[in-house]
Amino acid sequence: MLREEAMALLRHYLHTENLINHCLAVEAIMRGLARKLGEDEETYALAGLLHDIDYEFTVEDLEAHSLKGAEILEEHGLPADIVYAVKVHNEAHGLERKTMMDKALFAADPVSGFITAAALVRPDKSLAGVELKSLKKRFKEKAFARGASRENMAVCAELGLELEEFLTIALQSMKTIAADIGLQG
């Protein structure tokens, strides 16, 4: 599936701009992780872009979240590795993260929200001034971006990445699309 087709599919199921921006952020992070890990950027990016395709109609039933998304992706002919990565990014199902892509998506999902929160508390609401130093400090603050699971982000270690390197990749990746996700200031 080409990105344009994936974007049209995403917009068919998601209508909330913040949720679409989240998917774009995870797509960018996944692309950055694929580049670092020597994996296929387009495959990783598609998994990131489409990972929450079912969120608007499963938000009240998180047990169904990602299972419905995986069904949608399967129906549209996406490869089994992307379908599985989307399915296992929701830890509620207790499925094993088998591949590097599974682990990358599991860690990328919460870090996008964490970095977005770091930008939104800035006076300019921009990623431009967000630095690794402040992310590392905020990471230790349990009350900051409470919904961004530190444990899930820590799965970056299973990719062979230290937290600092993972945060750097995620931040730099998101900065490249800051204007597209409303975080340019």
N, C-alpha and C. Protein backbone atom coordinates (compact mmCIF):
# COMPACT_ATOMS: atom_id res chain seq x y z
N MET A 1 0.85 -1.18 0.00
CA MET A 1 0.00 0.00 0.00
C MET A 1 0.89 1.24 0.00
N LEU A 2 0.57 2.17 -0.86
CA LEU A 2 1.30 3.43 -0.92
C LEU A 2 0.86 4.33 0.23
N ARG A 3 1.72 5.26 0.60
CA ARG A 3 1.40 6.15 1.71
C ARG A 3 0.12 6.92 1.47
N GLU A 4 -0.09 7.39 0.24
CA GLU A 4 -1.29 8.17 -0.07
C GLU A 4 -2.55 7.33 0.18
N GLU A 5 -2.50 6.05 -0.18
CA GLU A 5 -3.62 5.15 0.06
C GLU A 5 -3.82 4.94 1.56
N ALA A 6 -2.71 4.77 2.27
CA ALA A 6 -2.77 4.56 3.72
C ALA A 6 -3.35 5.79 4.40
N MET A 7 -2.96 6.97 3.94
CA MET A 7 -3.47 8.21 4.53
C MET A 7 -4.97 8.34 4.28
N ALA A 8 -5.42 7.99 3.09
CA ALA A 8 -6.86 8.03 2.77
C ALA A 8 -7.63 7.04 3.65
N LEU A 9 -7.06 5.85 3.84
CA LEU A 9 -7.69 4.84 4.69
C LEU A 9 -7.78 5.35 6.13
N LEU A 10 -6.70 5.92 6.62
CA LEU A 10 -6.66 6.46 7.98
C LEU A 10 -7.74 7.54 8.15
N ARG A 11 -7.82 8.45 7.20
CA ARG A 11 -8.80 9.54 7.28
C ARG A 11 -10.24 9.04 7.13
N HIS A 12 -10.40 7.89 6.52
CA HIS A 12 -11.74 7.29 6.42
C HIS A 12 -12.23 6.87 7.82
N TYR A 13 -11.31 6.36 8.63
CA TYR A 13 -11.68 5.84 9.95
C TYR A 13 -11.48 6.84 11.08
N LEU A 14 -10.53 7.76 10.93
CA LEU A 14 -10.25 8.73 11.99
C LEU A 14 -10.62 10.13 11.52
N HIS A 15 -11.24 10.88 12.40
CA HIS A 15 -11.66 12.23 12.05
C HIS A 15 -11.13 13.28 13.02
N THR A 16 -10.57 12.86 14.11
CA THR A 16 -10.03 13.77 15.12
C THR A 16 -8.62 14.17 14.72
N GLU A 17 -8.42 15.46 14.55
CA GLU A 17 -7.12 15.96 14.09
C GLU A 17 -5.98 15.58 15.04
N ASN A 18 -6.22 15.66 16.35
CA ASN A 18 -5.17 15.29 17.31
C ASN A 18 -4.77 13.82 17.16
N LEU A 19 -5.73 12.97 16.89
CA LEU A 19 -5.44 11.54 16.72
C LEU A 19 -4.68 11.31 15.41
N ILE A 20 -5.07 12.01 14.37
CA ILE A 20 -4.34 11.90 13.10
C ILE A 20 -2.91 12.40 13.29
N ASN A 21 -2.76 13.51 14.01
CA ASN A 21 -1.41 14.03 14.28
C ASN A 21 -0.58 13.03 15.07
N HIS A 22 -1.21 12.34 16.01
CA HIS A 22 -0.51 11.30 16.77
C HIS A 22 -0.01 10.21 15.82
N CYS A 23 -0.86 9.78 14.92
CA CYS A 23 -0.47 8.74 13.96
C CYS A 23 0.67 9.21 13.07
N LEU A 24 0.63 10.47 12.65
CA LEU A 24 1.72 11.03 11.84
C LEU A 24 3.03 11.06 12.63
N ALA A 25 2.92 11.41 13.91
CA ALA A 25 4.11 11.44 14.77
C ALA A 25 4.71 10.04 14.92
N VAL A 26 3.86 9.05 15.16
CA VAL A 26 4.34 7.67 15.31
C VAL A 26 4.93 7.18 13.99
N GLU A 27 4.33 7.57 12.88
CA GLU A 27 4.89 7.22 11.57
C GLU A 27 6.32 7.76 11.44
N ALA A 28 6.51 9.03 11.79
CA ALA A 28 7.84 9.65 11.68
C ALA A 28 8.85 8.96 12.60
N ILE A 29 8.43 8.65 13.81
CA ILE A 29 9.32 7.97 14.76
C ILE A 29 9.69 6.58 14.24
N MET A 30 8.71 5.88 13.73
CA MET A 30 8.97 4.53 13.20
C MET A 30 9.94 4.60 12.01
N ARG A 31 9.80 5.60 11.18
CA ARG A 31 10.73 5.78 10.06
C ARG A 31 12.15 6.01 10.58
N GLY A 32 12.27 6.86 11.61
CA GLY A 32 13.58 7.12 12.21
C GLY A 32 14.18 5.88 12.85
N LEU A 33 13.35 5.10 13.52
CA LEU A 33 13.83 3.86 14.15
C LEU A 33 14.26 2.85 13.09
N ALA A 34 13.49 2.73 12.02
CA ALA A 34 13.85 1.80 10.94
C ALA A 34 15.20 2.18 10.34
N ARG A 35 15.40 3.46 10.13
CA ARG A 35 16.67 3.94 9.57
C ARG A 35 17.82 3.55 10.51
N LYS A 36 17.64 3.78 11.80
CA LYS A 36 18.68 3.47 12.79
C LYS A 36 18.95 1.96 12.86
N LEU A 37 17.89 1.17 12.77
CA LEU A 37 18.01 -0.28 12.93
C LEU A 37 18.33 -1.02 11.63
N GLY A 38 18.38 -0.29 10.52
CA GLY A 38 18.65 -0.92 9.23
C GLY A 38 17.48 -1.74 8.72
N GLU A 39 16.26 -1.32 9.08
CA GLU A 39 15.05 -2.02 8.67
C GLU A 39 14.36 -1.24 7.55
N ASP A 40 13.30 -1.81 7.01
CA ASP A 40 12.58 -1.17 5.91
C ASP A 40 11.76 0.02 6.41
N GLU A 41 12.12 1.21 5.97
CA GLU A 41 11.47 2.43 6.46
C GLU A 41 10.00 2.50 6.08
N GLU A 42 9.66 2.09 4.87
CA GLU A 42 8.27 2.20 4.42
C GLU A 42 7.36 1.27 5.22
N THR A 43 7.84 0.07 5.50
CA THR A 43 7.05 -0.89 6.28
C THR A 43 6.83 -0.38 7.70
N TYR A 44 7.91 0.07 8.33
CA TYR A 44 7.80 0.61 9.68
C TYR A 44 6.88 1.83 9.70
N ALA A 45 7.04 2.71 8.71
CA ALA A 45 6.24 3.93 8.65
C ALA A 45 4.75 3.61 8.50
N LEU A 46 4.42 2.64 7.66
CA LEU A 46 3.01 2.25 7.49
C LEU A 46 2.43 1.72 8.79
N ALA A 47 3.20 0.91 9.50
CA ALA A 47 2.73 0.39 10.79
C ALA A 47 2.46 1.54 11.75
N GLY A 48 3.35 2.51 11.78
CA GLY A 48 3.17 3.67 12.65
C GLY A 48 1.98 4.51 12.27
N LEU A 49 1.82 4.77 10.98
CA LEU A 49 0.72 5.60 10.50
C LEU A 49 -0.64 4.97 10.81
N LEU A 50 -0.74 3.66 10.66
CA LEU A 50 -2.04 2.99 10.76
C LEU A 50 -2.32 2.33 12.11
N HIS A 51 -1.41 2.46 13.06
CA HIS A 51 -1.53 1.68 14.29
C HIS A 51 -2.80 1.96 15.10
N ASP A 52 -3.34 3.16 15.03
CA ASP A 52 -4.53 3.50 15.82
C ASP A 52 -5.77 3.71 14.93
N ILE A 53 -5.80 3.07 13.79
CA ILE A 53 -6.88 3.28 12.82
C ILE A 53 -8.27 3.02 13.40
N ASP A 54 -8.35 2.18 14.41
CA ASP A 54 -9.65 1.84 14.99
C ASP A 54 -9.97 2.61 16.28
N TYR A 55 -9.12 3.53 16.67
CA TYR A 55 -9.22 4.12 18.01
C TYR A 55 -10.54 4.86 18.25
N GLU A 56 -11.04 5.58 17.26
CA GLU A 56 -12.26 6.37 17.50
C GLU A 56 -13.47 5.50 17.83
N PHE A 57 -13.50 4.28 17.32
CA PHE A 57 -14.66 3.44 17.65
C PHE A 57 -14.34 2.32 18.62
N THR A 58 -13.12 2.29 19.15
CA THR A 58 -12.80 1.32 20.20
C THR A 58 -12.36 2.00 21.50
N VAL A 59 -12.38 3.32 21.53
CA VAL A 59 -11.89 4.06 22.69
C VAL A 59 -12.60 3.67 23.99
N GLU A 60 -13.86 3.28 23.89
CA GLU A 60 -14.61 2.86 25.08
C GLU A 60 -14.42 1.38 25.40
N ASP A 61 -13.74 0.66 24.51
CA ASP A 61 -13.52 -0.78 24.68
C ASP A 61 -12.08 -1.10 24.29
N LEU A 62 -11.16 -0.76 25.20
CA LEU A 62 -9.75 -0.93 24.87
C LEU A 62 -9.35 -2.39 24.67
N GLU A 63 -10.19 -3.31 25.11
CA GLU A 63 -9.93 -4.73 24.83
C GLU A 63 -10.08 -5.02 23.33
N ALA A 64 -10.90 -4.23 22.66
CA ALA A 64 -11.10 -4.41 21.22
C ALA A 64 -10.08 -3.61 20.40
N HIS A 65 -9.52 -2.56 21.03
CA HIS A 65 -8.57 -1.71 20.32
C HIS A 65 -7.39 -2.52 19.81
N SER A 66 -7.03 -2.27 18.63
CA SER A 66 -5.94 -2.89 17.86
C SER A 66 -6.35 -4.23 17.24
N LEU A 67 -7.30 -4.93 17.86
CA LEU A 67 -7.81 -6.15 17.22
C LEU A 67 -8.66 -5.74 16.02
N LYS A 68 -9.53 -4.74 16.21
CA LYS A 68 -10.36 -4.23 15.11
C LYS A 68 -9.46 -3.58 14.07
N GLY A 69 -8.45 -2.86 14.53
CA GLY A 69 -7.52 -2.22 13.61
C GLY A 69 -6.79 -3.25 12.75
N ALA A 70 -6.36 -4.32 13.38
CA ALA A 70 -5.68 -5.39 12.64
C ALA A 70 -6.62 -6.00 11.60
N GLU A 71 -7.89 -6.17 11.97
CA GLU A 71 -8.89 -6.71 11.02
C GLU A 71 -9.03 -5.79 9.81
N ILE A 72 -9.13 -4.49 10.06
CA ILE A 72 -9.27 -3.51 8.98
C ILE A 72 -8.06 -3.60 8.05
N LEU A 73 -6.88 -3.65 8.62
CA LEU A 73 -5.66 -3.69 7.81
C LEU A 73 -5.56 -4.98 7.01
N GLU A 74 -5.96 -6.07 7.63
CA GLU A 74 -5.96 -7.36 6.94
C GLU A 74 -6.94 -7.33 5.76
N GLU A 75 -8.12 -6.77 5.98
CA GLU A 75 -9.13 -6.66 4.92
C GLU A 75 -8.63 -5.82 3.75
N HIS A 76 -7.75 -4.88 4.03
CA HIS A 76 -7.21 -4.01 2.98
C HIS A 76 -5.89 -4.51 2.42
N GLY A 77 -5.53 -5.73 2.77
CA GLY A 77 -4.38 -6.39 2.16
C GLY A 77 -3.02 -5.97 2.65
N LEU A 78 -2.95 -5.39 3.83
CA LEU A 78 -1.63 -5.04 4.35
C LEU A 78 -0.88 -6.31 4.77
N PRO A 79 0.43 -6.27 4.69
CA PRO A 79 1.23 -7.45 5.03
C PRO A 79 1.02 -7.92 6.47
N ALA A 80 1.17 -9.21 6.66
CA ALA A 80 0.93 -9.83 7.97
C ALA A 80 1.81 -9.24 9.06
N ASP A 81 3.05 -8.83 8.73
CA ASP A 81 3.93 -8.28 9.77
C ASP A 81 3.42 -6.94 10.29
N ILE A 82 2.84 -6.13 9.41
CA ILE A 82 2.26 -4.85 9.85
C ILE A 82 1.00 -5.12 10.66
N VAL A 83 0.15 -6.02 10.19
CA VAL A 83 -1.09 -6.36 10.90
C VAL A 83 -0.77 -6.84 12.31
N TYR A 84 0.24 -7.70 12.44
CA TYR A 84 0.59 -8.23 13.76
C TYR A 84 1.17 -7.13 14.66
N ALA A 85 2.02 -6.28 14.12
CA ALA A 85 2.59 -5.19 14.92
C ALA A 85 1.50 -4.28 15.46
N VAL A 86 0.50 -3.99 14.63
CA VAL A 86 -0.62 -3.17 15.07
C VAL A 86 -1.39 -3.89 16.17
N LYS A 87 -1.60 -5.17 16.01
CA LYS A 87 -2.33 -5.95 17.00
C LYS A 87 -1.61 -5.96 18.35
N VAL A 88 -0.29 -6.16 18.35
CA VAL A 88 0.44 -6.31 19.62
C VAL A 88 0.83 -4.99 20.26
N HIS A 89 0.59 -3.85 19.58
CA HIS A 89 0.97 -2.59 20.23
C HIS A 89 0.07 -2.28 21.42
N ASN A 90 -1.07 -2.96 21.52
CA ASN A 90 -1.95 -2.82 22.68
C ASN A 90 -1.63 -3.96 23.65
N GLU A 91 -1.01 -3.62 24.74
CA GLU A 91 -0.57 -4.64 25.70
C GLU A 91 -1.73 -5.38 26.37
N ALA A 92 -2.95 -4.88 26.22
CA ALA A 92 -4.11 -5.52 26.85
C ALA A 92 -4.33 -6.95 26.35
N HIS A 93 -3.82 -7.26 25.17
CA HIS A 93 -4.03 -8.58 24.60
C HIS A 93 -3.00 -9.61 25.06
N GLY A 94 -1.93 -9.15 25.67
CA GLY A 94 -0.91 -10.06 26.18
C GLY A 94 -0.18 -10.85 25.10
N LEU A 95 -0.15 -10.32 23.89
CA LEU A 95 0.52 -11.02 22.79
C LEU A 95 2.02 -10.72 22.80
N GLU A 96 2.78 -11.68 22.38
CA GLU A 96 4.23 -11.54 22.36
C GLU A 96 4.68 -10.59 21.25
N ARG A 97 5.57 -9.68 21.60
CA ARG A 97 6.20 -8.82 20.60
C ARG A 97 7.37 -9.61 20.05
N LYS A 98 7.23 -10.09 18.81
CA LYS A 98 8.20 -11.02 18.23
C LYS A 98 9.30 -10.34 17.44
N THR A 99 8.94 -9.32 16.68
CA THR A 99 9.90 -8.71 15.75
C THR A 99 10.38 -7.36 16.26
N MET A 100 11.40 -6.86 15.61
CA MET A 100 11.89 -5.53 15.93
C MET A 100 10.79 -4.50 15.67
N MET A 101 10.02 -4.69 14.61
CA MET A 101 8.93 -3.74 14.31
C MET A 101 7.88 -3.76 15.41
N ASP A 102 7.54 -4.93 15.93
CA ASP A 102 6.58 -5.03 17.04
C ASP A 102 7.07 -4.20 18.23
N LYS A 103 8.33 -4.38 18.56
CA LYS A 103 8.91 -3.69 19.71
C LYS A 103 9.02 -2.20 19.46
N ALA A 104 9.40 -1.83 18.24
CA ALA A 104 9.54 -0.41 17.90
C ALA A 104 8.19 0.30 18.01
N LEU A 105 7.14 -0.29 17.49
CA LEU A 105 5.82 0.33 17.55
C LEU A 105 5.32 0.43 18.99
N PHE A 106 5.57 -0.59 19.77
CA PHE A 106 5.16 -0.60 21.18
C PHE A 106 5.81 0.56 21.94
N ALA A 107 7.07 0.85 21.64
CA ALA A 107 7.79 1.94 22.31
C ALA A 107 7.48 3.30 21.68
N ALA A 108 7.28 3.34 20.37
CA ALA A 108 7.06 4.61 19.67
C ALA A 108 5.71 5.23 20.00
N ASP A 109 4.71 4.40 20.22
CA ASP A 109 3.36 4.90 20.49
C ASP A 109 3.35 5.86 21.69
N PRO A 110 3.82 5.44 22.87
CA PRO A 110 3.76 6.36 24.00
C PRO A 110 4.76 7.51 23.92
N VAL A 111 5.90 7.30 23.28
CA VAL A 111 6.90 8.38 23.25
C VAL A 111 6.40 9.56 22.42
N SER A 112 5.56 9.30 21.44
CA SER A 112 5.03 10.41 20.65
C SER A 112 4.17 11.32 21.52
N GLY A 113 3.35 10.74 22.37
CA GLY A 113 2.53 11.53 23.29
C GLY A 113 3.37 12.26 24.32
N PHE A 114 4.39 11.60 24.79
CA PHE A 114 5.31 12.18 25.77
C PHE A 114 5.99 13.43 25.20
N ILE A 115 6.50 13.31 23.98
CA ILE A 115 7.20 14.44 23.35
C ILE A 115 6.20 15.55 22.99
N THR A 116 5.01 15.18 22.55
CA THR A 116 3.98 16.18 22.27
C THR A 116 3.65 16.96 23.53
N ALA A 117 3.51 16.28 24.65
CA ALA A 117 3.23 16.95 25.93
C ALA A 117 4.36 17.91 26.29
N ALA A 118 5.60 17.50 26.04
CA ALA A 118 6.75 18.37 26.33
C ALA A 118 6.70 19.64 25.49
N ALA A 119 6.22 19.52 24.26
CA ALA A 119 6.10 20.71 23.40
C ALA A 119 4.95 21.60 23.88
N LEU A 120 3.84 20.99 24.25
CA LEU A 120 2.64 21.76 24.60
C LEU A 120 2.76 22.53 25.91
N VAL A 121 3.68 22.15 26.79
CA VAL A 121 3.86 22.91 28.03
C VAL A 121 4.80 24.11 27.82
N ARG A 122 5.40 24.20 26.66
CA ARG A 122 6.27 25.33 26.34
C ARG A 122 5.40 26.53 25.96
N PRO A 123 5.86 27.74 26.24
CA PRO A 123 5.07 28.93 25.89
C PRO A 123 4.72 29.02 24.39
N ASP A 124 5.62 28.57 23.53
CA ASP A 124 5.38 28.65 22.09
C ASP A 124 4.68 27.42 21.52
N LYS A 125 4.42 26.42 22.38
CA LYS A 125 3.74 25.18 21.96
C LYS A 125 4.44 24.56 20.74
N SER A 126 5.75 24.56 20.77
CA SER A 126 6.54 24.14 19.63
C SER A 126 7.57 23.08 20.01
N LEU A 127 7.87 22.22 19.05
CA LEU A 127 8.93 21.22 19.24
C LEU A 127 10.32 21.84 19.12
N ALA A 128 10.41 23.00 18.48
CA ALA A 128 11.72 23.61 18.19
C ALA A 128 12.60 23.74 19.44
N GLY A 129 12.01 24.13 20.55
CA GLY A 129 12.79 24.34 21.77
C GLY A 129 12.89 23.13 22.68
N VAL A 130 12.24 22.04 22.33
CA VAL A 130 12.30 20.84 23.17
C VAL A 130 13.68 20.21 22.99
N GLU A 131 14.32 19.94 24.11
CA GLU A 131 15.66 19.35 24.09
C GLU A 131 15.68 18.03 24.84
N LEU A 132 16.64 17.21 24.49
CA LEU A 132 16.81 15.91 25.13
C LEU A 132 16.92 16.06 26.65
N LYS A 133 17.66 17.05 27.11
CA LYS A 133 17.85 17.26 28.54
C LYS A 133 16.51 17.40 29.27
N SER A 134 15.59 18.17 28.69
CA SER A 134 14.29 18.36 29.34
C SER A 134 13.45 17.08 29.26
N LEU A 135 13.59 16.33 28.17
CA LEU A 135 12.86 15.06 28.06
C LEU A 135 13.32 14.08 29.13
N LYS A 136 14.63 14.01 29.34
CA LYS A 136 15.16 13.09 30.35
C LYS A 136 14.67 13.49 31.74
N LYS A 137 14.61 14.78 32.01
CA LYS A 137 14.11 15.26 33.30
C LYS A 137 12.63 14.92 33.45
N ARG A 138 11.84 15.20 32.41
CA ARG A 138 10.40 14.92 32.45
C ARG A 138 10.10 13.43 32.55
N PHE A 139 10.97 12.61 31.99
CA PHE A 139 10.77 11.16 32.01
C PHE A 139 10.67 10.66 33.45
N LYS A 140 11.40 11.29 34.35
CA LYS A 140 11.43 10.87 35.75
C LYS A 140 10.22 11.39 36.54
N GLU A 141 9.50 12.36 35.97
CA GLU A 141 8.32 12.94 36.64
C GLU A 141 7.09 12.10 36.31
N LYS A 142 6.66 11.30 37.26
CA LYS A 142 5.53 10.39 37.03
C LYS A 142 4.24 11.13 36.67
N ALA A 143 4.06 12.34 37.19
CA ALA A 143 2.83 13.09 36.94
C ALA A 143 2.81 13.72 35.54
N PHE A 144 3.98 13.87 34.93
CA PHE A 144 4.02 14.50 33.61
C PHE A 144 3.65 13.48 32.53
N ALA A 145 2.72 13.85 31.66
CA ALA A 145 2.27 12.96 30.57
C ALA A 145 2.00 11.56 31.12
N ARG A 146 1.18 11.51 32.13
CA ARG A 146 0.90 10.27 32.86
C ARG A 146 0.49 9.12 31.93
N GLY A 147 -0.22 9.42 30.86
CA GLY A 147 -0.69 8.39 29.94
C GLY A 147 0.40 7.78 29.08
N ALA A 148 1.57 8.41 29.05
CA ALA A 148 2.69 7.91 28.25
C ALA A 148 3.51 6.93 29.11
N SER A 149 3.24 5.66 28.93
CA SER A 149 3.85 4.63 29.77
C SER A 149 5.38 4.59 29.65
N ARG A 150 6.03 4.86 30.77
CA ARG A 150 7.50 4.81 30.80
C ARG A 150 7.97 3.37 30.57
N GLU A 151 7.19 2.40 31.08
CA GLU A 151 7.56 0.99 30.91
C GLU A 151 7.52 0.61 29.42
N ASN A 152 6.51 1.08 28.70
CA ASN A 152 6.42 0.77 27.28
C ASN A 152 7.57 1.43 26.51
N MET A 153 7.88 2.67 26.86
CA MET A 153 9.00 3.35 26.20
C MET A 153 10.31 2.62 26.47
N ALA A 154 10.44 2.06 27.65
CA ALA A 154 11.67 1.36 28.03
C ALA A 154 11.92 0.10 27.20
N VAL A 155 10.91 -0.33 26.45
CA VAL A 155 11.09 -1.48 25.55
C VAL A 155 12.13 -1.15 24.47
N CYS A 156 12.49 0.12 24.36
CA CYS A 156 13.54 0.50 23.41
C CYS A 156 14.83 -0.29 23.67
N ALA A 157 15.03 -0.72 24.91
CA ALA A 157 16.20 -1.53 25.24
C ALA A 157 16.21 -2.84 24.45
N GLU A 158 15.01 -3.37 24.15
CA GLU A 158 14.91 -4.60 23.37
C GLU A 158 15.27 -4.37 21.90
N LEU A 159 15.39 -3.10 21.52
CA LEU A 159 15.83 -2.75 20.16
C LEU A 159 17.34 -2.50 20.15
N GLY A 160 17.95 -2.61 21.33
CA GLY A 160 19.39 -2.32 21.44
C GLY A 160 19.67 -0.84 21.59
N LEU A 161 18.66 -0.07 22.01
CA LEU A 161 18.82 1.37 22.16
C LEU A 161 18.72 1.78 23.62
N GLU A 162 19.64 2.62 24.04
CA GLU A 162 19.54 3.25 25.36
C GLU A 162 18.41 4.26 25.29
N LEU A 163 17.80 4.56 26.42
CA LEU A 163 16.69 5.51 26.47
C LEU A 163 17.07 6.85 25.82
N GLU A 164 18.24 7.35 26.13
CA GLU A 164 18.68 8.64 25.60
C GLU A 164 18.72 8.63 24.07
N GLU A 165 19.24 7.56 23.48
CA GLU A 165 19.30 7.45 22.03
C GLU A 165 17.89 7.33 21.43
N PHE A 166 17.04 6.57 22.08
CA PHE A 166 15.66 6.41 21.63
C PHE A 166 14.92 7.75 21.65
N LEU A 167 15.05 8.48 22.75
CA LEU A 167 14.40 9.79 22.85
C LEU A 167 14.93 10.75 21.79
N THR A 168 16.22 10.69 21.52
CA THR A 168 16.82 11.55 20.50
C THR A 168 16.25 11.25 19.13
N ILE A 169 16.18 9.97 18.78
CA ILE A 169 15.61 9.57 17.48
C ILE A 169 14.16 10.03 17.37
N ALA A 170 13.39 9.80 18.43
CA ALA A 170 11.97 10.17 18.41
C ALA A 170 11.80 11.68 18.28
N LEU A 171 12.55 12.44 19.07
CA LEU A 171 12.45 13.89 19.04
C LEU A 171 12.85 14.44 17.66
N GLN A 172 13.98 13.99 17.15
CA GLN A 172 14.43 14.49 15.85
C GLN A 172 13.44 14.12 14.75
N SER A 173 12.88 12.92 14.82
CA SER A 173 11.91 12.48 13.83
C SER A 173 10.66 13.36 13.86
N MET A 174 10.19 13.65 15.06
CA MET A 174 8.99 14.49 15.18
C MET A 174 9.28 15.93 14.75
N LYS A 175 10.47 16.42 15.01
CA LYS A 175 10.81 17.79 14.61
C LYS A 175 10.74 17.95 13.09
N THR A 176 11.02 16.87 12.34
CA THR A 176 10.97 16.97 10.88
C THR A 176 9.56 17.19 10.35
N ILE A 177 8.55 16.87 11.16
CA ILE A 177 7.16 17.04 10.70
C ILE A 177 6.38 17.98 11.63
N ALA A 178 7.08 18.80 12.39
CA ALA A 178 6.44 19.68 13.37
C ALA A 178 5.31 20.50 12.77
N ALA A 179 5.51 21.04 11.58
CA ALA A 179 4.47 21.86 10.95
C ALA A 179 3.24 21.02 10.62
N ASP A 180 3.45 19.78 10.22
CA ASP A 180 2.34 18.90 9.84
C ASP A 180 1.49 18.48 11.03
N ILE A 181 2.07 18.48 12.22
CA ILE A 181 1.34 18.03 13.41
C ILE A 181 1.00 19.17 14.36
N GLY A 182 1.11 20.39 13.87
CA GLY A 182 0.71 21.55 14.66
C GLY A 182 1.62 21.91 15.80
N LEU A 183 2.89 21.52 15.72
CA LEU A 183 3.82 21.81 16.81
C LEU A 183 5.01 22.64 16.34
N GLN A 184 4.74 23.55 15.41
CA GLN A 184 5.81 24.40 14.91
C GLN A 184 5.86 25.73 15.64
N GLY A 185 4.83 26.03 16.39
CA GLY A 185 4.85 27.25 17.19
C GLY A 185 4.12 28.41 16.55
